[in-house]
């Protein structure tokens, strides 16, 4: 079985679907400040990892959740397919086990 999903949407539309806030303005300000700090040599690795930690954790949790959902759907599809194959196999084997009826039997 092959399943293809195609979604055409802008980043803004995806944020709205998932209920995420629009943080483009804040992100722009942060990046400008971060670039200035890089130029000035004022970047502390601990501060950067502390700041980025929650967003990286959210991304990891989101992807884990998506993968679990996809795995569940695939398992259900595989189970359904195997059940259908067993049903077909059982019906074909029961037909072959039937004794032929002789026309000479009274």
C-alpha atoms as a PDB file:
ATOM      1  CA  UNK A   1       0.000   0.000   0.000  1.00  0.00           C
ATOM      2  CA  UNK A   2       1.328   3.433  -0.832  1.00  0.00           C
ATOM      3  CA  UNK A   3       0.034   6.651   0.699  1.00  0.00           C
ATOM      4  CA  UNK A   4       1.033  10.073  -0.589  1.00  0.00           C
ATOM      5  CA  UNK A   5       0.139  13.263   1.209  1.00  0.00           C
ATOM      6  CA  UNK A   6       0.769  16.608  -0.449  1.00  0.00           C
ATOM      7  CA  UNK A   7       0.209  19.872   1.381  1.00  0.00           C
ATOM      8  CA  UNK A   8       0.590  23.240  -0.283  1.00  0.00           C
ATOM      9  CA  UNK A   9       0.641  25.954   2.344  1.00  0.00           C
ATOM     10  CA  UNK A  10       2.660  28.965   3.357  1.00  0.00           C
ATOM     11  CA  UNK A  11       4.508  29.014   6.686  1.00  0.00           C
ATOM     12  CA  UNK A  12       1.894  31.476   7.967  1.00  0.00           C
ATOM     13  CA  UNK A  13      -0.943  29.075   7.072  1.00  0.00           C
ATOM     14  CA  UNK A  14       0.830  26.178   8.797  1.00  0.00           C
ATOM     15  CA  UNK A  15       1.317  28.271  11.951  1.00  0.00           C
ATOM     16  CA  UNK A  16      -2.394  29.109  11.952  1.00  0.00           C
ATOM     17  CA  UNK A  17      -3.397  25.453  11.495  1.00  0.00           C
ATOM     18  CA  UNK A  18      -1.261  24.320  14.433  1.00  0.00           C
ATOM     19  CA  UNK A  19      -2.191  27.349  16.538  1.00  0.00           C
ATOM     20  CA  UNK A  20       1.371  28.646  16.714  1.00  0.00           C
ATOM     21  CA  UNK A  21       2.006  32.361  17.244  1.00  0.00           C
ATOM     22  CA  UNK A  22       3.509  34.578  14.560  1.00  0.00           C
ATOM     23  CA  UNK A  23       6.900  35.525  15.970  1.00  0.00           C
ATOM     24  CA  UNK A  24       8.586  36.868  12.851  1.00  0.00           C
ATOM     25  CA  UNK A  25       9.042  40.352  14.306  1.00  0.00           C
ATOM     26  CA  UNK A  26      10.527  39.047  17.552  1.00  0.00           C
ATOM     27  CA  UNK A  27      12.714  36.607  15.658  1.00  0.00           C
ATOM     28  CA  UNK A  28      14.007  39.416  13.422  1.00  0.00           C
ATOM     29  CA  UNK A  29      14.932  41.537  16.437  1.00  0.00           C
ATOM     30  CA  UNK A  30      16.646  38.596  18.107  1.00  0.00           C
ATOM     31  CA  UNK A  31      18.667  37.767  14.981  1.00  0.00           C
ATOM     32  CA  UNK A  32      19.817  41.381  14.608  1.00  0.00           C
ATOM     33  CA  UNK A  33      20.935  41.468  18.245  1.00  0.00           C
ATOM     34  CA  UNK A  34      22.590  38.060  17.923  1.00  0.00           C
ATOM     35  CA  UNK A  35      24.497  39.147  14.792  1.00  0.00           C
ATOM     36  CA  UNK A  36      25.669  42.272  16.594  1.00  0.00           C
ATOM     37  CA  UNK A  37      26.835  40.211  19.550  1.00  0.00           C
ATOM     38  CA  UNK A  38      28.703  37.862  17.199  1.00  0.00           C
ATOM     39  CA  UNK A  39      30.472  40.829  15.597  1.00  0.00           C
ATOM     40  CA  UNK A  40      31.381  42.218  19.025  1.00  0.00           C
ATOM     41  CA  UNK A  41      32.528  38.810  20.344  1.00  0.00           C
ATOM     42  CA  UNK A  42      29.959  38.785  23.123  1.00  0.00           C
ATOM     43  CA  UNK A  43      28.391  35.375  22.493  1.00  0.00           C
ATOM     44  CA  UNK A  44      28.258  33.016  25.463  1.00  0.00           C
ATOM     45  CA  UNK A  45      27.650  29.372  24.523  1.00  0.00           C
ATOM     46  CA  UNK A  46      25.681  28.689  27.704  1.00  0.00           C
ATOM     47  CA  UNK A  47      23.294  31.563  27.026  1.00  0.00           C
ATOM     48  CA  UNK A  48      22.733  30.425  23.439  1.00  0.00           C
ATOM     49  CA  UNK A  49      22.061  26.809  24.460  1.00  0.00           C
ATOM     50  CA  UNK A  50      19.728  27.978  27.247  1.00  0.00           C
ATOM     51  CA  UNK A  51      17.827  30.190  24.834  1.00  0.00           C
ATOM     52  CA  UNK A  52      17.591  27.587  22.054  1.00  0.00           C
ATOM     53  CA  UNK A  53      16.850  24.625  24.344  1.00  0.00           C
ATOM     54  CA  UNK A  54      13.046  25.019  24.606  1.00  0.00           C
ATOM     55  CA  UNK A  55      12.535  25.465  20.854  1.00  0.00           C
ATOM     56  CA  UNK A  56      14.757  22.502  20.046  1.00  0.00           C
ATOM     57  CA  UNK A  57      12.916  20.373  22.604  1.00  0.00           C
ATOM     58  CA  UNK A  58       9.546  21.410  21.121  1.00  0.00           C
ATOM     59  CA  UNK A  59      10.745  20.455  17.636  1.00  0.00           C
ATOM     60  CA  UNK A  60      11.983  17.089  18.866  1.00  0.00           C
ATOM     61  CA  UNK A  61       8.738  16.366  20.716  1.00  0.00           C
ATOM     62  CA  UNK A  62       6.664  17.429  17.698  1.00  0.00           C
ATOM     63  CA  UNK A  63       8.620  15.181  15.332  1.00  0.00           C
ATOM     64  CA  UNK A  64       8.439  12.259  17.777  1.00  0.00           C
ATOM     65  CA  UNK A  65       4.674  12.696  17.977  1.00  0.00           C
ATOM     66  CA  UNK A  66       4.344  12.838  14.189  1.00  0.00           C
ATOM     67  CA  UNK A  67       6.463   9.702  13.774  1.00  0.00           C
ATOM     68  CA  UNK A  68       4.385   7.815  16.367  1.00  0.00           C
ATOM     69  CA  UNK A  69       1.184   8.794  14.559  1.00  0.00           C
ATOM     70  CA  UNK A  70       2.572   7.689  11.192  1.00  0.00           C
ATOM     71  CA  UNK A  71       3.803   4.400  12.684  1.00  0.00           C
ATOM     72  CA  UNK A  72       0.378   3.765  14.206  1.00  0.00           C
ATOM     73  CA  UNK A  73      -1.370   4.416  10.888  1.00  0.00           C
ATOM     74  CA  UNK A  74       1.050   2.128   9.031  1.00  0.00           C
ATOM     75  CA  UNK A  75       0.610  -0.627  11.624  1.00  0.00           C
ATOM     76  CA  UNK A  76      -3.169  -0.403  11.270  1.00  0.00           C
ATOM     77  CA  UNK A  77      -2.879  -0.543   7.478  1.00  0.00           C
ATOM     78  CA  UNK A  78      -0.538  -3.549   7.655  1.00  0.00           C
ATOM     79  CA  UNK A  79      -2.816  -5.315  10.123  1.00  0.00           C
ATOM     80  CA  UNK A  80      -5.820  -4.734   7.888  1.00  0.00           C
ATOM     81  CA  UNK A  81      -3.918  -6.062   4.869  1.00  0.00           C
ATOM     82  CA  UNK A  82      -2.712  -9.161   6.716  1.00  0.00           C
ATOM     83  CA  UNK A  83      -6.252  -9.858   7.997  1.00  0.00           C
ATOM     84  CA  UNK A  84      -7.563  -9.684   4.442  1.00  0.00           C
ATOM     85  CA  UNK A  85      -4.828 -12.022   3.213  1.00  0.00           C
ATOM     86  CA  UNK A  86      -5.580 -14.539   6.005  1.00  0.00           C
ATOM     87  CA  UNK A  87      -9.272 -14.434   5.175  1.00  0.00           C
ATOM     88  CA  UNK A  88      -8.529 -15.083   1.513  1.00  0.00           C
ATOM     89  CA  UNK A  89      -6.094 -17.899   2.411  1.00  0.00           C
ATOM     90  CA  UNK A  90      -8.614 -19.524   4.776  1.00  0.00           C
ATOM     91  CA  UNK A  91     -11.408 -19.420   2.214  1.00  0.00           C
ATOM     92  CA  UNK A  92      -9.209 -20.903  -0.527  1.00  0.00           C
ATOM     93  CA  UNK A  93      -7.907 -23.699   1.730  1.00  0.00           C
ATOM     94  CA  UNK A  94     -11.431 -24.633   2.893  1.00  0.00           C
ATOM     95  CA  UNK A  95     -12.529 -24.962  -0.722  1.00  0.00           C
ATOM     96  CA  UNK A  96      -9.634 -27.288  -1.502  1.00  0.00           C
ATOM     97  CA  UNK A  97     -10.414 -29.506   1.552  1.00  0.00           C
ATOM     98  CA  UNK A  98     -13.989 -30.201   0.442  1.00  0.00           C
ATOM     99  CA  UNK A  99     -14.520 -33.752  -0.784  1.00  0.00           C
ATOM    100  CA  UNK A 100     -15.719 -34.015  -4.342  1.00  0.00           C
ATOM    101  CA  UNK A 101     -19.185 -35.460  -4.641  1.00  0.00           C
ATOM    102  CA  UNK A 102     -19.332 -38.526  -6.798  1.00  0.00           C
ATOM    103  CA  UNK A 103     -22.239 -38.875  -9.177  1.00  0.00           C
ATOM    104  CA  UNK A 104     -22.414 -42.573  -8.269  1.00  0.00           C
ATOM    105  CA  UNK A 105     -23.403 -41.900  -4.681  1.00  0.00           C
ATOM    106  CA  UNK A 106     -27.101 -42.529  -4.010  1.00  0.00           C
END
